[in-house]
Amino acid sequence: MKNKCNNCKPILDFNVEQTIEQTIPYTTNSIWIGKANFLLKRLKTNGYNTDKETMQQAYKLIQWQDNSQNLKSLYNKYKNNPTIKWKESIKKVLSINIPTTKGLDV
């Protein structure tokens, strides 16, 4: 059974390509890619601030997704795939136009 929409937002793993490749066969509409916003705050709110390993991984992930080259590489690989949609968090970093009209997002 195919899902109407899958999300890879926020990016919670370094291996986004693997996640996309594994979910795309089950997707009939779109996969949205976006950065993890407020990741440390959310981890702390949910009691993970004392888990050193989790917090270290979160810091590494934030550094990875804050590197525009990583996001550019991901975008270049999937920019022509109509199933992949990009959240504002990615578009802002890569200076991609953000439509103001609903339904025109890509």
N, C-alpha and C. Protein backbone atom coordinates (compact mmCIF):
# COMPACT_ATOMS: atom_id res chain seq x y z
N MET A 1 0.85 -1.19 0.00
CA MET A 1 0.00 0.00 0.00
C MET A 1 0.89 1.24 0.00
N LYS A 2 0.62 2.16 -0.89
CA LYS A 2 1.43 3.38 -0.97
C LYS A 2 0.80 4.49 -0.14
N ASN A 3 1.66 5.25 0.53
CA ASN A 3 1.20 6.41 1.28
C ASN A 3 1.02 7.58 0.33
N LYS A 4 0.11 8.48 0.69
CA LYS A 4 -0.09 9.67 -0.12
C LYS A 4 1.10 10.61 -0.01
N CYS A 5 1.65 10.74 1.18
CA CYS A 5 2.76 11.67 1.38
C CYS A 5 3.68 11.15 2.47
N ASN A 6 4.96 11.19 2.23
CA ASN A 6 5.95 10.85 3.24
C ASN A 6 6.75 12.10 3.54
N ASN A 7 7.33 12.12 4.71
CA ASN A 7 8.14 13.27 5.09
C ASN A 7 9.51 12.84 5.57
N CYS A 8 10.48 13.59 5.18
CA CYS A 8 11.82 13.43 5.73
C CYS A 8 12.17 14.78 6.32
N LYS A 9 11.23 15.32 6.99
CA LYS A 9 11.44 16.59 7.66
C LYS A 9 11.10 16.39 9.10
N PRO A 10 11.84 16.74 9.97
CA PRO A 10 13.16 17.30 9.72
C PRO A 10 14.17 16.20 9.38
N ILE A 11 15.31 16.62 8.89
CA ILE A 11 16.40 15.68 8.66
C ILE A 11 16.90 15.23 10.03
N LEU A 12 16.74 13.96 10.32
CA LEU A 12 17.17 13.43 11.62
C LEU A 12 18.26 12.39 11.48
N ASP A 13 18.87 12.35 10.31
CA ASP A 13 19.89 11.35 10.04
C ASP A 13 20.85 11.93 9.00
N PHE A 14 22.08 11.48 9.03
CA PHE A 14 23.06 11.94 8.05
C PHE A 14 22.84 11.29 6.68
N ASN A 15 22.20 10.14 6.66
CA ASN A 15 22.04 9.39 5.42
C ASN A 15 20.66 9.64 4.81
N VAL A 16 20.41 10.87 4.42
CA VAL A 16 19.12 11.26 3.87
C VAL A 16 18.84 10.53 2.56
N GLU A 17 19.89 10.34 1.74
CA GLU A 17 19.70 9.65 0.46
C GLU A 17 19.13 8.25 0.66
N GLN A 18 19.63 7.53 1.64
CA GLN A 18 19.14 6.18 1.90
C GLN A 18 17.67 6.22 2.30
N THR A 19 17.31 7.17 3.14
CA THR A 19 15.92 7.31 3.56
C THR A 19 15.03 7.60 2.35
N ILE A 20 15.47 8.49 1.48
CA ILE A 20 14.70 8.82 0.28
C ILE A 20 14.55 7.58 -0.60
N GLU A 21 15.65 6.92 -0.88
CA GLU A 21 15.62 5.76 -1.77
C GLU A 21 14.75 4.64 -1.23
N GLN A 22 14.73 4.48 0.09
CA GLN A 22 13.91 3.42 0.69
C GLN A 22 12.43 3.77 0.75
N THR A 23 12.10 5.05 0.82
CA THR A 23 10.69 5.43 0.93
C THR A 23 10.05 5.79 -0.40
N ILE A 24 10.82 6.15 -1.38
CA ILE A 24 10.25 6.60 -2.65
C ILE A 24 9.37 5.54 -3.33
N PRO A 25 9.69 4.25 -3.24
CA PRO A 25 8.80 3.27 -3.88
C PRO A 25 7.40 3.22 -3.25
N TYR A 26 7.27 3.71 -2.04
CA TYR A 26 5.99 3.66 -1.33
C TYR A 26 5.28 5.02 -1.33
N THR A 27 5.79 5.94 -2.08
CA THR A 27 5.27 7.31 -2.08
C THR A 27 4.54 7.60 -3.39
N THR A 28 3.30 8.06 -3.28
CA THR A 28 2.54 8.41 -4.48
C THR A 28 2.47 9.92 -4.69
N ASN A 29 2.80 10.69 -3.68
CA ASN A 29 2.69 12.14 -3.81
C ASN A 29 4.05 12.80 -3.66
N SER A 30 4.52 12.98 -2.43
CA SER A 30 5.76 13.73 -2.25
C SER A 30 6.50 13.35 -0.98
N ILE A 31 7.78 13.63 -1.01
CA ILE A 31 8.64 13.51 0.16
C ILE A 31 9.20 14.91 0.40
N TRP A 32 8.94 15.45 1.56
CA TRP A 32 9.42 16.79 1.91
C TRP A 32 10.71 16.68 2.69
N ILE A 33 11.69 17.49 2.30
CA ILE A 33 12.99 17.51 2.96
C ILE A 33 13.16 18.86 3.65
N GLY A 34 13.51 18.83 4.94
CA GLY A 34 13.72 20.06 5.68
C GLY A 34 14.69 19.86 6.83
N LYS A 35 15.25 20.96 7.30
CA LYS A 35 16.20 20.91 8.42
C LYS A 35 15.46 20.68 9.74
N ALA A 36 16.19 20.15 10.70
CA ALA A 36 15.64 19.97 12.05
C ALA A 36 15.70 21.31 12.77
N ASN A 37 14.56 21.91 12.97
CA ASN A 37 14.49 23.20 13.66
C ASN A 37 14.34 22.99 15.16
N PHE A 38 15.05 23.77 15.93
CA PHE A 38 14.96 23.73 17.40
C PHE A 38 15.26 22.33 17.96
N LEU A 39 16.18 21.62 17.33
CA LEU A 39 16.48 20.24 17.72
C LEU A 39 16.92 20.14 19.17
N LEU A 40 17.87 20.95 19.58
CA LEU A 40 18.37 20.87 20.96
C LEU A 40 17.27 21.21 21.96
N LYS A 41 16.49 22.22 21.66
CA LYS A 41 15.39 22.61 22.54
C LYS A 41 14.39 21.47 22.69
N ARG A 42 14.07 20.81 21.60
CA ARG A 42 13.11 19.71 21.64
C ARG A 42 13.67 18.52 22.42
N LEU A 43 14.94 18.25 22.25
CA LEU A 43 15.56 17.16 23.01
C LEU A 43 15.55 17.47 24.50
N LYS A 44 15.90 18.70 24.85
CA LYS A 44 15.91 19.10 26.26
C LYS A 44 14.51 19.05 26.86
N THR A 45 13.52 19.53 26.11
CA THR A 45 12.14 19.51 26.58
C THR A 45 11.67 18.09 26.87
N ASN A 46 12.17 17.14 26.09
CA ASN A 46 11.75 15.75 26.24
C ASN A 46 12.69 14.94 27.13
N GLY A 47 13.57 15.63 27.85
CA GLY A 47 14.39 14.98 28.86
C GLY A 47 15.67 14.33 28.39
N TYR A 48 16.09 14.63 27.17
CA TYR A 48 17.31 14.00 26.65
C TYR A 48 18.57 14.82 26.91
N ASN A 49 18.45 15.95 27.59
CA ASN A 49 19.62 16.81 27.81
C ASN A 49 20.67 16.17 28.69
N THR A 50 20.34 15.12 29.42
CA THR A 50 21.33 14.43 30.24
C THR A 50 21.93 13.22 29.51
N ASP A 51 21.41 12.92 28.34
CA ASP A 51 21.92 11.80 27.54
C ASP A 51 23.03 12.35 26.64
N LYS A 52 24.27 12.17 27.08
CA LYS A 52 25.41 12.76 26.37
C LYS A 52 25.52 12.28 24.93
N GLU A 53 25.30 10.99 24.71
CA GLU A 53 25.42 10.45 23.35
C GLU A 53 24.38 11.07 22.41
N THR A 54 23.16 11.18 22.88
CA THR A 54 22.10 11.79 22.06
C THR A 54 22.42 13.24 21.76
N MET A 55 22.87 13.97 22.76
CA MET A 55 23.18 15.39 22.56
C MET A 55 24.38 15.57 21.62
N GLN A 56 25.39 14.70 21.73
CA GLN A 56 26.54 14.78 20.82
C GLN A 56 26.10 14.53 19.38
N GLN A 57 25.24 13.53 19.19
CA GLN A 57 24.73 13.24 17.85
C GLN A 57 23.91 14.41 17.31
N ALA A 58 23.14 15.04 18.19
CA ALA A 58 22.34 16.19 17.78
C ALA A 58 23.25 17.34 17.33
N TYR A 59 24.30 17.60 18.08
CA TYR A 59 25.25 18.66 17.69
C TYR A 59 25.89 18.35 16.34
N LYS A 60 26.26 17.09 16.12
CA LYS A 60 26.85 16.70 14.84
C LYS A 60 25.86 16.89 13.70
N LEU A 61 24.61 16.51 13.94
CA LEU A 61 23.58 16.65 12.91
C LEU A 61 23.34 18.12 12.59
N ILE A 62 23.31 18.96 13.60
CA ILE A 62 23.13 20.40 13.38
C ILE A 62 24.28 20.95 12.54
N GLN A 63 25.50 20.54 12.87
CA GLN A 63 26.66 20.99 12.08
C GLN A 63 26.55 20.50 10.64
N TRP A 64 26.12 19.26 10.45
CA TRP A 64 25.99 18.70 9.11
C TRP A 64 24.96 19.48 8.30
N GLN A 65 23.79 19.71 8.90
CA GLN A 65 22.74 20.38 8.14
C GLN A 65 22.96 21.89 8.01
N ASP A 66 23.85 22.44 8.83
CA ASP A 66 24.20 23.85 8.69
C ASP A 66 25.30 24.09 7.66
N ASN A 67 25.86 23.01 7.14
CA ASN A 67 26.87 23.09 6.09
C ASN A 67 26.15 23.16 4.75
N SER A 68 26.19 24.31 4.11
CA SER A 68 25.45 24.50 2.87
C SER A 68 25.89 23.53 1.77
N GLN A 69 27.13 23.08 1.81
CA GLN A 69 27.60 22.13 0.80
C GLN A 69 26.87 20.79 0.92
N ASN A 70 26.60 20.35 2.14
CA ASN A 70 25.84 19.11 2.33
C ASN A 70 24.44 19.24 1.74
N LEU A 71 23.79 20.36 2.03
CA LEU A 71 22.44 20.58 1.53
C LEU A 71 22.43 20.78 0.02
N LYS A 72 23.45 21.46 -0.49
CA LYS A 72 23.54 21.67 -1.94
C LYS A 72 23.73 20.35 -2.67
N SER A 73 24.55 19.48 -2.13
CA SER A 73 24.77 18.17 -2.72
C SER A 73 23.46 17.37 -2.76
N LEU A 74 22.75 17.40 -1.66
CA LEU A 74 21.46 16.70 -1.57
C LEU A 74 20.47 17.29 -2.58
N TYR A 75 20.41 18.61 -2.62
CA TYR A 75 19.50 19.29 -3.56
C TYR A 75 19.86 18.96 -5.01
N ASN A 76 21.13 19.03 -5.34
CA ASN A 76 21.55 18.75 -6.72
C ASN A 76 21.21 17.32 -7.14
N LYS A 77 21.27 16.41 -6.21
CA LYS A 77 20.96 15.01 -6.53
C LYS A 77 19.47 14.82 -6.82
N TYR A 78 18.61 15.55 -6.13
CA TYR A 78 17.17 15.30 -6.21
C TYR A 78 16.35 16.47 -6.78
N LYS A 79 16.98 17.52 -7.24
CA LYS A 79 16.24 18.71 -7.68
C LYS A 79 15.32 18.45 -8.87
N ASN A 80 15.63 17.47 -9.69
CA ASN A 80 14.80 17.17 -10.86
C ASN A 80 13.82 16.03 -10.60
N ASN A 81 13.77 15.56 -9.38
CA ASN A 81 12.83 14.49 -9.02
C ASN A 81 11.53 15.14 -8.54
N PRO A 82 10.43 14.97 -9.28
CA PRO A 82 9.18 15.65 -8.91
C PRO A 82 8.57 15.17 -7.59
N THR A 83 9.02 14.06 -7.08
CA THR A 83 8.51 13.54 -5.81
C THR A 83 9.11 14.29 -4.63
N ILE A 84 10.30 14.84 -4.81
CA ILE A 84 11.00 15.51 -3.72
C ILE A 84 10.62 16.98 -3.67
N LYS A 85 10.20 17.42 -2.48
CA LYS A 85 9.84 18.82 -2.23
C LYS A 85 10.77 19.36 -1.15
N TRP A 86 11.02 20.65 -1.20
CA TRP A 86 12.00 21.26 -0.30
C TRP A 86 11.33 22.26 0.63
N LYS A 87 11.54 22.08 1.92
CA LYS A 87 11.00 22.99 2.93
C LYS A 87 11.77 24.32 2.89
N GLU A 88 11.15 25.34 3.46
CA GLU A 88 11.77 26.67 3.49
C GLU A 88 13.16 26.66 4.11
N SER A 89 13.36 25.82 5.12
CA SER A 89 14.65 25.78 5.80
C SER A 89 15.79 25.44 4.84
N ILE A 90 15.51 24.62 3.84
CA ILE A 90 16.52 24.27 2.84
C ILE A 90 16.61 25.38 1.79
N LYS A 91 15.46 25.86 1.35
CA LYS A 91 15.42 26.89 0.32
C LYS A 91 16.15 28.16 0.75
N LYS A 92 16.01 28.53 1.99
CA LYS A 92 16.68 29.74 2.49
C LYS A 92 18.19 29.61 2.41
N VAL A 93 18.71 28.46 2.81
CA VAL A 93 20.16 28.23 2.79
C VAL A 93 20.69 28.25 1.36
N LEU A 94 19.91 27.68 0.43
CA LEU A 94 20.37 27.55 -0.95
C LEU A 94 19.90 28.69 -1.85
N SER A 95 19.26 29.69 -1.26
CA SER A 95 18.75 30.85 -2.02
C SER A 95 17.81 30.43 -3.15
N ILE A 96 16.91 29.51 -2.84
CA ILE A 96 15.91 29.06 -3.80
C ILE A 96 14.64 29.88 -3.57
N ASN A 97 14.01 30.29 -4.65
CA ASN A 97 12.78 31.08 -4.56
C ASN A 97 11.73 30.36 -3.71
N ILE A 98 11.08 31.11 -2.83
CA ILE A 98 10.02 30.57 -1.98
C ILE A 98 8.70 31.16 -2.47
N PRO A 99 7.84 30.34 -3.13
CA PRO A 99 6.57 30.85 -3.64
C PRO A 99 5.67 31.36 -2.51
N THR A 100 4.90 32.39 -2.80
CA THR A 100 3.97 32.92 -1.81
C THR A 100 2.55 32.40 -2.05
N THR A 101 2.32 31.74 -3.18
CA THR A 101 1.02 31.19 -3.50
C THR A 101 0.97 29.71 -3.14
N LYS A 102 -0.10 29.29 -2.45
CA LYS A 102 -0.25 27.88 -2.08
C LYS A 102 -0.28 27.01 -3.32
N GLY A 103 0.32 25.83 -3.19
CA GLY A 103 0.31 24.86 -4.27
C GLY A 103 1.44 25.00 -5.27
N LEU A 104 2.22 26.05 -5.16
CA LEU A 104 3.32 26.25 -6.10
C LEU A 104 4.66 25.83 -5.52
N ASP A 105 4.64 25.25 -4.33
CA ASP A 105 5.89 24.86 -3.69
C ASP A 105 6.50 23.66 -4.39
N VAL A 106 7.82 23.68 -4.53
CA VAL A 106 8.54 22.57 -5.15
C VAL A 106 9.76 22.22 -4.34
